[in-house]
Amino acid sequence: MQIYNKLVRDKIPEIIKSSGKEYRTKQLNEGEYIKELRTKLYEEINEYIEADTDGQALEELADVLEIIHSLAEVHGSNFETVEEIRKKKHIKRGGFQEKIFLIDVDD
């Protein structure tokens, strides 16, 4: 028996069942759900960091994006609102495309 104890995508139990395996799940309450989404975000970011190819990196970024969608919802919003906030910050403070690495600032 392999123990996972982690948040999984909604269709994973169906996929496991179709393979003929048995499984156990539980429904998380809201506090547990937020905690596990945050844990999952760390997991997916680490998988992105460890990706060896562009294809793997994009797969992991897609997983991160899925979690961001869910986190926006638990915070009473949606991804579109998060994207609008991102755009406003981009206009005001810029993005990261110029690859600027700040070394120090004199007082």
PDB file of N, CA and C in Angstrom:
ATOM      1  N   MET A   1       0.849  -1.177   0.000  1.00  0.00           N
ATOM      2  CA  MET A   1       0.000   0.000   0.000  1.00  0.00           C
ATOM      3  C   MET A   1       0.895   1.241   0.000  1.00  0.00           C
ATOM      4  N   GLN A   2       0.656   2.121  -0.940  1.00  0.00           N
ATOM      5  CA  GLN A   2       1.392   3.377  -1.006  1.00  0.00           C
ATOM      6  C   GLN A   2       0.561   4.469  -0.346  1.00  0.00           C
ATOM      7  N   ILE A   3       1.155   5.213   0.577  1.00  0.00           N
ATOM      8  CA  ILE A   3       0.456   6.275   1.301  1.00  0.00           C
ATOM      9  C   ILE A   3       0.839   7.616   0.684  1.00  0.00           C
ATOM     10  N   TYR A   4      -0.160   8.431   0.385  1.00  0.00           N
ATOM     11  CA  TYR A   4       0.066   9.730  -0.244  1.00  0.00           C
ATOM     12  C   TYR A   4      -0.206  10.895   0.697  1.00  0.00           C
ATOM     13  N   ASN A   5      -1.349  10.893   1.368  1.00  0.00           N
ATOM     14  CA  ASN A   5      -1.728  11.984   2.267  1.00  0.00           C
ATOM     15  C   ASN A   5      -1.490  13.349   1.636  1.00  0.00           C
ATOM     16  N   LYS A   6      -2.093  13.583   0.483  1.00  0.00           N
ATOM     17  CA  LYS A   6      -1.934  14.874  -0.185  1.00  0.00           C
ATOM     18  C   LYS A   6      -3.163  15.193  -1.020  1.00  0.00           C
ATOM     19  N   LEU A   7      -3.333  16.460  -1.295  1.00  0.00           N
ATOM     20  CA  LEU A   7      -4.397  16.936  -2.158  1.00  0.00           C
ATOM     21  C   LEU A   7      -4.125  16.482  -3.584  1.00  0.00           C
ATOM     22  N   VAL A   8      -5.159  15.944  -4.243  1.00  0.00           N
ATOM     23  CA  VAL A   8      -5.012  15.505  -5.634  1.00  0.00           C
ATOM     24  C   VAL A   8      -6.115  16.128  -6.480  1.00  0.00           C
ATOM     25  N   ARG A   9      -5.899  16.111  -7.771  1.00  0.00           N
ATOM     26  CA  ARG A   9      -6.899  16.628  -8.704  1.00  0.00           C
ATOM     27  C   ARG A   9      -8.190  15.806  -8.608  1.00  0.00           C
ATOM     28  N   ASP A  10      -9.298  16.439  -8.963  1.00  0.00           N
ATOM     29  CA  ASP A  10     -10.630  15.861  -8.779  1.00  0.00           C
ATOM     30  C   ASP A  10     -10.850  14.505  -9.449  1.00  0.00           C
ATOM     31  N   LYS A  11     -10.213  14.276 -10.572  1.00  0.00           N
ATOM     32  CA  LYS A  11     -10.468  13.035 -11.310  1.00  0.00           C
ATOM     33  C   LYS A  11      -9.515  11.892 -10.946  1.00  0.00           C
ATOM     34  N   ILE A  12      -8.585  12.131 -10.031  1.00  0.00           N
ATOM     35  CA  ILE A  12      -7.615  11.092  -9.658  1.00  0.00           C
ATOM     36  C   ILE A  12      -8.296   9.851  -9.072  1.00  0.00           C
ATOM     37  N   PRO A  13      -9.271   9.988  -8.158  1.00  0.00           N
ATOM     38  CA  PRO A  13      -9.932   8.769  -7.665  1.00  0.00           C
ATOM     39  C   PRO A  13     -10.578   7.938  -8.787  1.00  0.00           C
ATOM     40  N   GLU A  14     -11.190   8.609  -9.748  1.00  0.00           N
ATOM     41  CA  GLU A  14     -11.802   7.934 -10.899  1.00  0.00           C
ATOM     42  C   GLU A  14     -10.744   7.185 -11.714  1.00  0.00           C
ATOM     43  N   ILE A  15      -9.600   7.812 -11.900  1.00  0.00           N
ATOM     44  CA  ILE A  15      -8.503   7.189 -12.651  1.00  0.00           C
ATOM     45  C   ILE A  15      -7.970   5.972 -11.904  1.00  0.00           C
ATOM     46  N   ILE A  16      -7.825   6.097 -10.585  1.00  0.00           N
ATOM     47  CA  ILE A  16      -7.354   4.967  -9.781  1.00  0.00           C
ATOM     48  C   ILE A  16      -8.351   3.819  -9.855  1.00  0.00           C
ATOM     49  N   LYS A  17      -9.631   4.140  -9.714  1.00  0.00           N
ATOM     50  CA  LYS A  17     -10.682   3.118  -9.762  1.00  0.00           C
ATOM     51  C   LYS A  17     -10.689   2.398 -11.107  1.00  0.00           C
ATOM     52  N   SER A  18     -10.519   3.127 -12.188  1.00  0.00           N
ATOM     53  CA  SER A  18     -10.550   2.515 -13.521  1.00  0.00           C
ATOM     54  C   SER A  18      -9.364   1.580 -13.747  1.00  0.00           C
ATOM     55  N   SER A  19      -8.313   1.746 -12.930  1.00  0.00           N
ATOM     56  CA  SER A  19      -7.165   0.846 -13.049  1.00  0.00           C
ATOM     57  C   SER A  19      -7.344  -0.409 -12.193  1.00  0.00           C
ATOM     58  N   GLY A  20      -8.489  -0.500 -11.508  1.00  0.00           N
ATOM     59  CA  GLY A  20      -8.790  -1.688 -10.708  1.00  0.00           C
ATOM     60  C   GLY A  20      -8.240  -1.651  -9.295  1.00  0.00           C
ATOM     61  N   LYS A  21      -7.698  -0.527  -8.898  1.00  0.00           N
ATOM     62  CA  LYS A  21      -7.129  -0.410  -7.552  1.00  0.00           C
ATOM     63  C   LYS A  21      -8.155   0.179  -6.590  1.00  0.00           C
ATOM     64  N   GLU A  22      -7.962  -0.099  -5.321  1.00  0.00           N
ATOM     65  CA  GLU A  22      -8.800   0.484  -4.282  1.00  0.00           C
ATOM     66  C   GLU A  22      -8.056   1.649  -3.641  1.00  0.00           C
ATOM     67  N   TYR A  23      -8.804   2.574  -3.062  1.00  0.00           N
ATOM     68  CA  TYR A  23      -8.211   3.767  -2.474  1.00  0.00           C
ATOM     69  C   TYR A  23      -9.097   4.281  -1.364  1.00  0.00           C
ATOM     70  N   ARG A  24      -8.559   5.158  -0.558  1.00  0.00           N
ATOM     71  CA  ARG A  24      -9.335   5.866   0.460  1.00  0.00           C
ATOM     72  C   ARG A  24      -9.084   7.357   0.291  1.00  0.00           C
ATOM     73  N   THR A  25     -10.153   8.132   0.447  1.00  0.00           N
ATOM     74  CA  THR A  25     -10.063   9.587   0.389  1.00  0.00           C
ATOM     75  C   THR A  25     -10.889  10.176   1.520  1.00  0.00           C
ATOM     76  N   LYS A  26     -10.748  11.461   1.721  1.00  0.00           N
ATOM     77  CA  LYS A  26     -11.634  12.191   2.626  1.00  0.00           C
ATOM     78  C   LYS A  26     -11.858  13.574   2.052  1.00  0.00           C
ATOM     79  N   GLN A  27     -12.972  14.168   2.424  1.00  0.00           N
ATOM     80  CA  GLN A  27     -13.304  15.532   2.002  1.00  0.00           C
ATOM     81  C   GLN A  27     -12.712  16.496   3.030  1.00  0.00           C
ATOM     82  N   LEU A  28     -11.943  17.466   2.582  1.00  0.00           N
ATOM     83  CA  LEU A  28     -11.322  18.439   3.469  1.00  0.00           C
ATOM     84  C   LEU A  28     -12.289  19.556   3.821  1.00  0.00           C
ATOM     85  N   ASN A  29     -12.161  20.079   5.036  1.00  0.00           N
ATOM     86  CA  ASN A  29     -12.914  21.293   5.353  1.00  0.00           C
ATOM     87  C   ASN A  29     -12.157  22.486   4.762  1.00  0.00           C
ATOM     88  N   GLU A  30     -12.719  23.665   4.863  1.00  0.00           N
ATOM     89  CA  GLU A  30     -12.144  24.838   4.198  1.00  0.00           C
ATOM     90  C   GLU A  30     -10.722  25.150   4.694  1.00  0.00           C
ATOM     91  N   GLY A  31     -10.507  25.090   6.001  1.00  0.00           N
ATOM     92  CA  GLY A  31      -9.185  25.366   6.548  1.00  0.00           C
ATOM     93  C   GLY A  31      -8.159  24.343   6.091  1.00  0.00           C
ATOM     94  N   GLU A  32      -8.538  23.072   6.111  1.00  0.00           N
ATOM     95  CA  GLU A  32      -7.642  22.010   5.642  1.00  0.00           C
ATOM     96  C   GLU A  32      -7.339  22.180   4.158  1.00  0.00           C
ATOM     97  N   TYR A  33      -8.377  22.546   3.405  1.00  0.00           N
ATOM     98  CA  TYR A  33      -8.232  22.722   1.958  1.00  0.00           C
ATOM     99  C   TYR A  33      -7.210  23.816   1.635  1.00  0.00           C
ATOM    100  N   ILE A  34      -7.327  24.959   2.313  1.00  0.00           N
ATOM    101  CA  ILE A  34      -6.387  26.055   2.069  1.00  0.00           C
ATOM    102  C   ILE A  34      -4.970  25.615   2.441  1.00  0.00           C
ATOM    103  N   LYS A  35      -4.823  24.957   3.573  1.00  0.00           N
ATOM    104  CA  LYS A  35      -3.508  24.474   4.005  1.00  0.00           C
ATOM    105  C   LYS A  35      -2.922  23.522   2.966  1.00  0.00           C
ATOM    106  N   GLU A  36      -3.738  22.591   2.457  1.00  0.00           N
ATOM    107  CA  GLU A  36      -3.251  21.616   1.483  1.00  0.00           C
ATOM    108  C   GLU A  36      -2.987  22.240   0.123  1.00  0.00           C
ATOM    109  N   LEU A  37      -3.750  23.265  -0.256  1.00  0.00           N
ATOM    110  CA  LEU A  37      -3.442  23.991  -1.498  1.00  0.00           C
ATOM    111  C   LEU A  37      -2.085  24.674  -1.393  1.00  0.00           C
ATOM    112  N   ARG A  38      -1.808  25.252  -0.243  1.00  0.00           N
ATOM    113  CA  ARG A  38      -0.507  25.906  -0.045  1.00  0.00           C
ATOM    114  C   ARG A  38       0.623  24.882  -0.085  1.00  0.00           C
ATOM    115  N   THR A  39       0.400  23.733   0.541  1.00  0.00           N
ATOM    116  CA  THR A  39       1.392  22.648   0.508  1.00  0.00           C
ATOM    117  C   THR A  39       1.611  22.182  -0.923  1.00  0.00           C
ATOM    118  N   LYS A  40       0.512  22.035  -1.667  1.00  0.00           N
ATOM    119  CA  LYS A  40       0.589  21.595  -3.062  1.00  0.00           C
ATOM    120  C   LYS A  40       1.330  22.624  -3.909  1.00  0.00           C
ATOM    121  N   LEU A  41       1.138  23.894  -3.616  1.00  0.00           N
ATOM    122  CA  LEU A  41       1.833  24.950  -4.350  1.00  0.00           C
ATOM    123  C   LEU A  41       3.344  24.807  -4.177  1.00  0.00           C
ATOM    124  N   TYR A  42       3.795  24.574  -2.946  1.00  0.00           N
ATOM    125  CA  TYR A  42       5.226  24.334  -2.711  1.00  0.00           C
ATOM    126  C   TYR A  42       5.706  23.119  -3.488  1.00  0.00           C
ATOM    127  N   GLU A  43       4.918  22.048  -3.466  1.00  0.00           N
ATOM    128  CA  GLU A  43       5.290  20.815  -4.181  1.00  0.00           C
ATOM    129  C   GLU A  43       5.464  21.081  -5.668  1.00  0.00           C
ATOM    130  N   GLU A  44       4.512  21.763  -6.260  1.00  0.00           N
ATOM    131  CA  GLU A  44       4.560  22.019  -7.706  1.00  0.00           C
ATOM    132  C   GLU A  44       5.675  22.996  -8.066  1.00  0.00           C
ATOM    133  N   ILE A  45       5.923  23.981  -7.214  1.00  0.00           N
ATOM    134  CA  ILE A  45       7.021  24.909  -7.478  1.00  0.00           C
ATOM    135  C   ILE A  45       8.353  24.165  -7.419  1.00  0.00           C
ATOM    136  N   ASN A  46       8.506  23.280  -6.453  1.00  0.00           N
ATOM    137  CA  ASN A  46       9.738  22.483  -6.379  1.00  0.00           C
ATOM    138  C   ASN A  46       9.892  21.592  -7.602  1.00  0.00           C
ATOM    139  N   GLU A  47       8.794  21.008  -8.077  1.00  0.00           N
ATOM    140  CA  GLU A  47       8.865  20.190  -9.288  1.00  0.00           C
ATOM    141  C   GLU A  47       9.249  21.044 -10.491  1.00  0.00           C
ATOM    142  N   TYR A  48       8.767  22.291 -10.529  1.00  0.00           N
ATOM    143  CA  TYR A  48       9.170  23.205 -11.601  1.00  0.00           C
ATOM    144  C   TYR A  48      10.672  23.481 -11.518  1.00  0.00           C
ATOM    145  N   ILE A  49      11.157  23.768 -10.330  1.00  0.00           N
ATOM    146  CA  ILE A  49      12.580  24.069 -10.128  1.00  0.00           C
ATOM    147  C   ILE A  49      13.449  22.894 -10.568  1.00  0.00           C
ATOM    148  N   GLU A  50      12.970  21.681 -10.335  1.00  0.00           N
ATOM    149  CA  GLU A  50      13.739  20.483 -10.675  1.00  0.00           C
ATOM    150  C   GLU A  50      13.534  20.004 -12.107  1.00  0.00           C
ATOM    151  N   ALA A  51      12.668  20.662 -12.868  1.00  0.00           N
ATOM    152  CA  ALA A  51      12.396  20.244 -14.244  1.00  0.00           C
ATOM    153  C   ALA A  51      13.660  20.342 -15.088  1.00  0.00           C
ATOM    154  N   ASP A  52      13.877  19.318 -15.918  1.00  0.00           N
ATOM    155  CA  ASP A  52      15.082  19.251 -16.745  1.00  0.00           C
ATOM    156  C   ASP A  52      14.877  19.776 -18.163  1.00  0.00           C
ATOM    157  N   THR A  53      13.631  19.842 -18.600  1.00  0.00           N
ATOM    158  CA  THR A  53      13.356  20.272 -19.971  1.00  0.00           C
ATOM    159  C   THR A  53      12.310  21.385 -19.968  1.00  0.00           C
ATOM    160  N   ASP A  54      12.234  22.096 -21.073  1.00  0.00           N
ATOM    161  CA  ASP A  54      11.195  23.120 -21.210  1.00  0.00           C
ATOM    162  C   ASP A  54       9.812  22.499 -21.102  1.00  0.00           C
ATOM    163  N   GLY A  55       9.626  21.326 -21.694  1.00  0.00           N
ATOM    164  CA  GLY A  55       8.333  20.650 -21.638  1.00  0.00           C
ATOM    165  C   GLY A  55       7.923  20.319 -20.218  1.00  0.00           C
ATOM    166  N   GLN A  56       8.854  19.781 -19.437  1.00  0.00           N
ATOM    167  CA  GLN A  56       8.568  19.480 -18.030  1.00  0.00           C
ATOM    168  C   GLN A  56       8.265  20.762 -17.256  1.00  0.00           C
ATOM    169  N   ALA A  57       9.034  21.803 -17.525  1.00  0.00           N
ATOM    170  CA  ALA A  57       8.824  23.080 -16.850  1.00  0.00           C
ATOM    171  C   ALA A  57       7.424  23.621 -17.132  1.00  0.00           C
ATOM    172  N   LEU A  58       6.994  23.542 -18.383  1.00  0.00           N
ATOM    173  CA  LEU A  58       5.662  24.034 -18.739  1.00  0.00           C
ATOM    174  C   LEU A  58       4.561  23.211 -18.085  1.00  0.00           C
ATOM    175  N   GLU A  59       4.750  21.887 -17.995  1.00  0.00           N
ATOM    176  CA  GLU A  59       3.783  21.025 -17.298  1.00  0.00           C
ATOM    177  C   GLU A  59       3.644  21.462 -15.839  1.00  0.00           C
ATOM    178  N   GLU A  60       4.747  21.704 -15.188  1.00  0.00           N
ATOM    179  CA  GLU A  60       4.715  22.105 -13.781  1.00  0.00           C
ATOM    180  C   GLU A  60       4.128  23.500 -13.616  1.00  0.00           C
ATOM    181  N   LEU A  61       4.435  24.412 -14.533  1.00  0.00           N
ATOM    182  CA  LEU A  61       3.833  25.743 -14.482  1.00  0.00           C
ATOM    183  C   LEU A  61       2.321  25.663 -14.647  1.00  0.00           C
ATOM    184  N   ALA A  62       1.847  24.748 -15.487  1.00  0.00           N
ATOM    185  CA  ALA A  62       0.402  24.548 -15.647  1.00  0.00           C
ATOM    186  C   ALA A  62      -0.213  24.076 -14.327  1.00  0.00           C
ATOM    187  N   ASP A  63       0.491  23.204 -13.608  1.00  0.00           N
ATOM    188  CA  ASP A  63       0.004  22.745 -12.308  1.00  0.00           C
ATOM    189  C   ASP A  63      -0.033  23.902 -11.308  1.00  0.00           C
ATOM    190  N   VAL A  64       0.996  24.735 -11.320  1.00  0.00           N
ATOM    191  CA  VAL A  64       1.024  25.903 -10.437  1.00  0.00           C
ATOM    192  C   VAL A  64      -0.161  26.808 -10.754  1.00  0.00           C
ATOM    193  N   LEU A  65      -0.427  27.022 -12.019  1.00  0.00           N
ATOM    194  CA  LEU A  65      -1.538  27.868 -12.440  1.00  0.00           C
ATOM    195  C   LEU A  65      -2.881  27.298 -11.981  1.00  0.00           C
ATOM    196  N   GLU A  66      -3.041  25.991 -12.044  1.00  0.00           N
ATOM    197  CA  GLU A  66      -4.278  25.350 -11.576  1.00  0.00           C
ATOM    198  C   GLU A  66      -4.483  25.624 -10.089  1.00  0.00           C
ATOM    199  N   ILE A  67      -3.410  25.552  -9.323  1.00  0.00           N
ATOM    200  CA  ILE A  67      -3.500  25.815  -7.890  1.00  0.00           C
ATOM    201  C   ILE A  67      -3.827  27.283  -7.643  1.00  0.00           C
ATOM    202  N   ILE A  68      -3.243  28.172  -8.420  1.00  0.00           N
ATOM    203  CA  ILE A  68      -3.536  29.601  -8.276  1.00  0.00           C
ATOM    204  C   ILE A  68      -5.011  29.876  -8.548  1.00  0.00           C
ATOM    205  N   HIS A  69      -5.577  29.220  -9.537  1.00  0.00           N
ATOM    206  CA  HIS A  69      -7.017  29.354  -9.796  1.00  0.00           C
ATOM    207  C   HIS A  69      -7.808  28.975  -8.548  1.00  0.00           C
ATOM    208  N   SER A  70      -7.469  27.834  -7.947  1.00  0.00           N
ATOM    209  CA  SER A  70      -8.184  27.360  -6.758  1.00  0.00           C
ATOM    210  C   SER A  70      -7.974  28.284  -5.566  1.00  0.00           C
ATOM    211  N   LEU A  71      -6.753  28.758  -5.377  1.00  0.00           N
ATOM    212  CA  LEU A  71      -6.477  29.678  -4.270  1.00  0.00           C
ATOM    213  C   LEU A  71      -7.245  30.992  -4.427  1.00  0.00           C
ATOM    214  N   ALA A  72      -7.341  31.497  -5.629  1.00  0.00           N
ATOM    215  CA  ALA A  72      -8.115  32.722  -5.859  1.00  0.00           C
ATOM    216  C   ALA A  72      -9.560  32.516  -5.413  1.00  0.00           C
ATOM    217  N   GLU A  73     -10.124  31.357  -5.725  1.00  0.00           N
ATOM    218  CA  GLU A  73     -11.500  31.058  -5.330  1.00  0.00           C
ATOM    219  C   GLU A  73     -11.663  30.983  -3.820  1.00  0.00           C
ATOM    220  N   VAL A  74     -10.730  30.327  -3.122  1.00  0.00           N
ATOM    221  CA  VAL A  74     -10.880  30.227  -1.664  1.00  0.00           C
ATOM    222  C   VAL A  74     -10.702  31.582  -0.984  1.00  0.00           C
ATOM    223  N   HIS A  75     -10.078  32.523  -1.675  1.00  0.00           N
ATOM    224  CA  HIS A  75      -9.947  33.870  -1.137  1.00  0.00           C
ATOM    225  C   HIS A  75     -11.065  34.781  -1.646  1.00  0.00           C
ATOM    226  N   GLY A  76     -12.136  34.167  -2.140  1.00  0.00           N
ATOM    227  CA  GLY A  76     -13.331  34.916  -2.523  1.00  0.00           C
ATOM    228  C   GLY A  76     -13.232  35.648  -3.834  1.00  0.00           C
ATOM    229  N   SER A  77     -12.362  35.188  -4.719  1.00  0.00           N
ATOM    230  CA  SER A  77     -12.182  35.885  -5.985  1.00  0.00           C
ATOM    231  C   SER A  77     -12.082  34.875  -7.120  1.00  0.00           C
ATOM    232  N   ASN A  78     -11.393  35.261  -8.180  1.00  0.00           N
ATOM    233  CA  ASN A  78     -11.193  34.362  -9.316  1.00  0.00           C
ATOM    234  C   ASN A  78      -9.878  34.719 -10.004  1.00  0.00           C
ATOM    235  N   PHE A  79      -9.488  33.875 -10.940  1.00  0.00           N
ATOM    236  CA  PHE A  79      -8.206  34.090 -11.615  1.00  0.00           C
ATOM    237  C   PHE A  79      -8.186  35.396 -12.391  1.00  0.00           C
ATOM    238  N   GLU A  80      -9.312  35.785 -12.967  1.00  0.00           N
ATOM    239  CA  GLU A  80      -9.360  37.008 -13.748  1.00  0.00           C
ATOM    240  C   GLU A  80      -9.006  38.227 -12.892  1.00  0.00           C
ATOM    241  N   THR A  81      -9.462  38.218 -11.650  1.00  0.00           N
ATOM    242  CA  THR A  81      -9.131  39.311 -10.736  1.00  0.00           C
ATOM    243  C   THR A  81      -7.644  39.295 -10.412  1.00  0.00           C
ATOM    244  N   VAL A  82      -7.093  38.116 -10.171  1.00  0.00           N
ATOM    245  CA  VAL A  82      -5.658  37.993  -9.921  1.00  0.00           C
ATOM    246  C   VAL A  82      -4.884  38.526 -11.122  1.00  0.00           C
ATOM    247  N   GLU A  83      -5.330  38.190 -12.316  1.00  0.00           N
ATOM    248  CA  GLU A  83      -4.663  38.654 -13.529  1.00  0.00           C
ATOM    249  C   GLU A  83      -4.745  40.182 -13.659  1.00  0.00           C
ATOM    250  N   GLU A  84      -5.875  40.760 -13.291  1.00  0.00           N
ATOM    251  CA  GLU A  84      -5.999  42.223 -13.330  1.00  0.00           C
ATOM    252  C   GLU A  84      -5.035  42.878 -12.342  1.00  0.00           C
ATOM    253  N   ILE A  85      -4.904  42.302 -11.158  1.00  0.00           N
ATOM    254  CA  ILE A  85      -3.952  42.815 -10.165  1.00  0.00           C
ATOM    255  C   ILE A  85      -2.532  42.703 -10.716  1.00  0.00           C
ATOM    256  N   ARG A  86      -2.224  41.566 -11.347  1.00  0.00           N
ATOM    257  CA  ARG A  86      -0.898  41.370 -11.940  1.00  0.00           C
ATOM    258  C   ARG A  86      -0.616  42.436 -12.993  1.00  0.00           C
ATOM    259  N   LYS A  87      -1.604  42.702 -13.853  1.00  0.00           N
ATOM    260  CA  LYS A  87      -1.422  43.704 -14.912  1.00  0.00           C
ATOM    261  C   LYS A  87      -1.164  45.089 -14.334  1.00  0.00           C
ATOM    262  N   LYS A  88      -1.922  45.461 -13.297  1.00  0.00           N
ATOM    263  CA  LYS A  88      -1.727  46.769 -12.669  1.00  0.00           C
ATOM    264  C   LYS A  88      -0.332  46.874 -12.070  1.00  0.00           C
ATOM    265  N   LYS A  89       0.116  45.826 -11.410  1.00  0.00           N
ATOM    266  CA  LYS A  89       1.466  45.826 -10.833  1.00  0.00           C
ATOM    267  C   LYS A  89       2.521  45.892 -11.933  1.00  0.00           C
ATOM    268  N   HIS A  90       2.246  45.228 -13.051  1.00  0.00           N
ATOM    269  CA  HIS A  90       3.172  45.247 -14.180  1.00  0.00           C
ATOM    270  C   HIS A  90       3.315  46.666 -14.725  1.00  0.00           C
ATOM    271  N   ILE A  91       2.192  47.360 -14.855  1.00  0.00           N
ATOM    272  CA  ILE A  91       2.225  48.736 -15.353  1.00  0.00           C
ATOM    273  C   ILE A  91       2.971  49.638 -14.372  1.00  0.00           C
ATOM    274  N   LYS A  92       2.693  49.482 -13.085  1.00  0.00           N
ATOM    275  CA  LYS A  92       3.282  50.355 -12.065  1.00  0.00           C
ATOM    276  C   LYS A  92       4.748  50.028 -11.780  1.00  0.00           C
ATOM    277  N   ARG A  93       5.094  48.731 -11.697  1.00  0.00           N
ATOM    278  CA  ARG A  93       6.429  48.339 -11.246  1.00  0.00           C
ATOM    279  C   ARG A  93       7.236  47.556 -12.276  1.00  0.00           C
ATOM    280  N   GLY A  94       6.575  47.197 -13.381  1.00  0.00           N
ATOM    281  CA  GLY A  94       7.252  46.435 -14.426  1.00  0.00           C
ATOM    282  C   GLY A  94       7.172  44.942 -14.179  1.00  0.00           C
ATOM    283  N   GLY A  95       7.781  44.207 -15.104  1.00  0.00           N
ATOM    284  CA  GLY A  95       7.826  42.753 -14.997  1.00  0.00           C
ATOM    285  C   GLY A  95       9.243  42.312 -14.678  1.00  0.00           C
ATOM    286  N   PHE A  96       9.630  41.187 -15.218  1.00  0.00           N
ATOM    287  CA  PHE A  96      10.973  40.650 -14.991  1.00  0.00           C
ATOM    288  C   PHE A  96      11.697  40.367 -16.304  1.00  0.00           C
ATOM    289  N   GLN A  97      11.171  40.858 -17.409  1.00  0.00           N
ATOM    290  CA  GLN A  97      11.721  40.556 -18.721  1.00  0.00           C
ATOM    291  C   GLN A  97      13.108  41.140 -18.950  1.00  0.00           C
ATOM    292  N   GLU A  98      13.448  42.235 -18.282  1.00  0.00           N
ATOM    293  CA  GLU A  98      14.745  42.871 -18.502  1.00  0.00           C
ATOM    294  C   GLU A  98      15.864  42.229 -17.693  1.00  0.00           C
ATOM    295  N   LYS A  99      15.527  41.220 -16.897  1.00  0.00           N
ATOM    296  CA  LYS A  99      16.517  40.400 -16.170  1.00  0.00           C
ATOM    297  C   LYS A  99      17.412  41.242 -15.254  1.00  0.00           C
ATOM    298  N   ILE A 100      16.833  42.240 -14.603  1.00  0.00           N
ATOM    299  CA  ILE A 100      17.593  43.132 -13.724  1.00  0.00           C
ATOM    300  C   ILE A 100      17.821  42.451 -12.377  1.00  0.00           C
ATOM    301  N   PHE A 101      19.073  42.407 -11.948  1.00  0.00           N
ATOM    302  CA  PHE A 101      19.475  41.811 -10.678  1.00  0.00           C
ATOM    303  C   PHE A 101      20.012  42.928  -9.796  1.00  0.00           C
ATOM    304  N   LEU A 102      19.261  43.326  -8.764  1.00  0.00           N
ATOM    305  CA  LEU A 102      19.653  44.422  -7.881  1.00  0.00           C
ATOM    306  C   LEU A 102      20.698  43.949  -6.889  1.00  0.00           C
ATOM    307  N   ILE A 103      21.853  44.593  -6.894  1.00  0.00           N
ATOM    308  CA  ILE A 103      22.946  44.200  -6.013  1.00  0.00           C
ATOM    309  C   ILE A 103      22.850  44.937  -4.682  1.00  0.00           C
ATOM    310  N   ASP A 104      22.762  46.253  -4.719  1.00  0.00           N
ATOM    311  CA  ASP A 104      22.624  47.011  -3.477  1.00  0.00           C
ATOM    312  C   ASP A 104      22.127  48.404  -3.779  1.00  0.00           C
ATOM    313  N   VAL A 105      21.797  49.133  -2.703  1.00  0.00           N
ATOM    314  CA  VAL A 105      21.329  50.514  -2.810  1.00  0.00           C
ATOM    315  C   VAL A 105      22.032  51.296  -1.719  1.00  0.00           C
ATOM    316  N   ASP A 106      22.687  52.418  -2.093  1.00  0.00           N
ATOM    317  CA  ASP A 106      23.319  53.285  -1.101  1.00  0.00           C
ATOM    318  C   ASP A 106      22.250  54.073  -0.352  1.00  0.00           C
ATOM    319  N   ASP A 107      22.473  54.258   0.952  1.00  0.00           N
ATOM    320  CA  ASP A 107      21.527  55.054   1.758  1.00  0.00           C
ATOM    321  C   ASP A 107      21.802  56.528   1.620  1.00  0.00           C
TER     322      ASP A 107
END
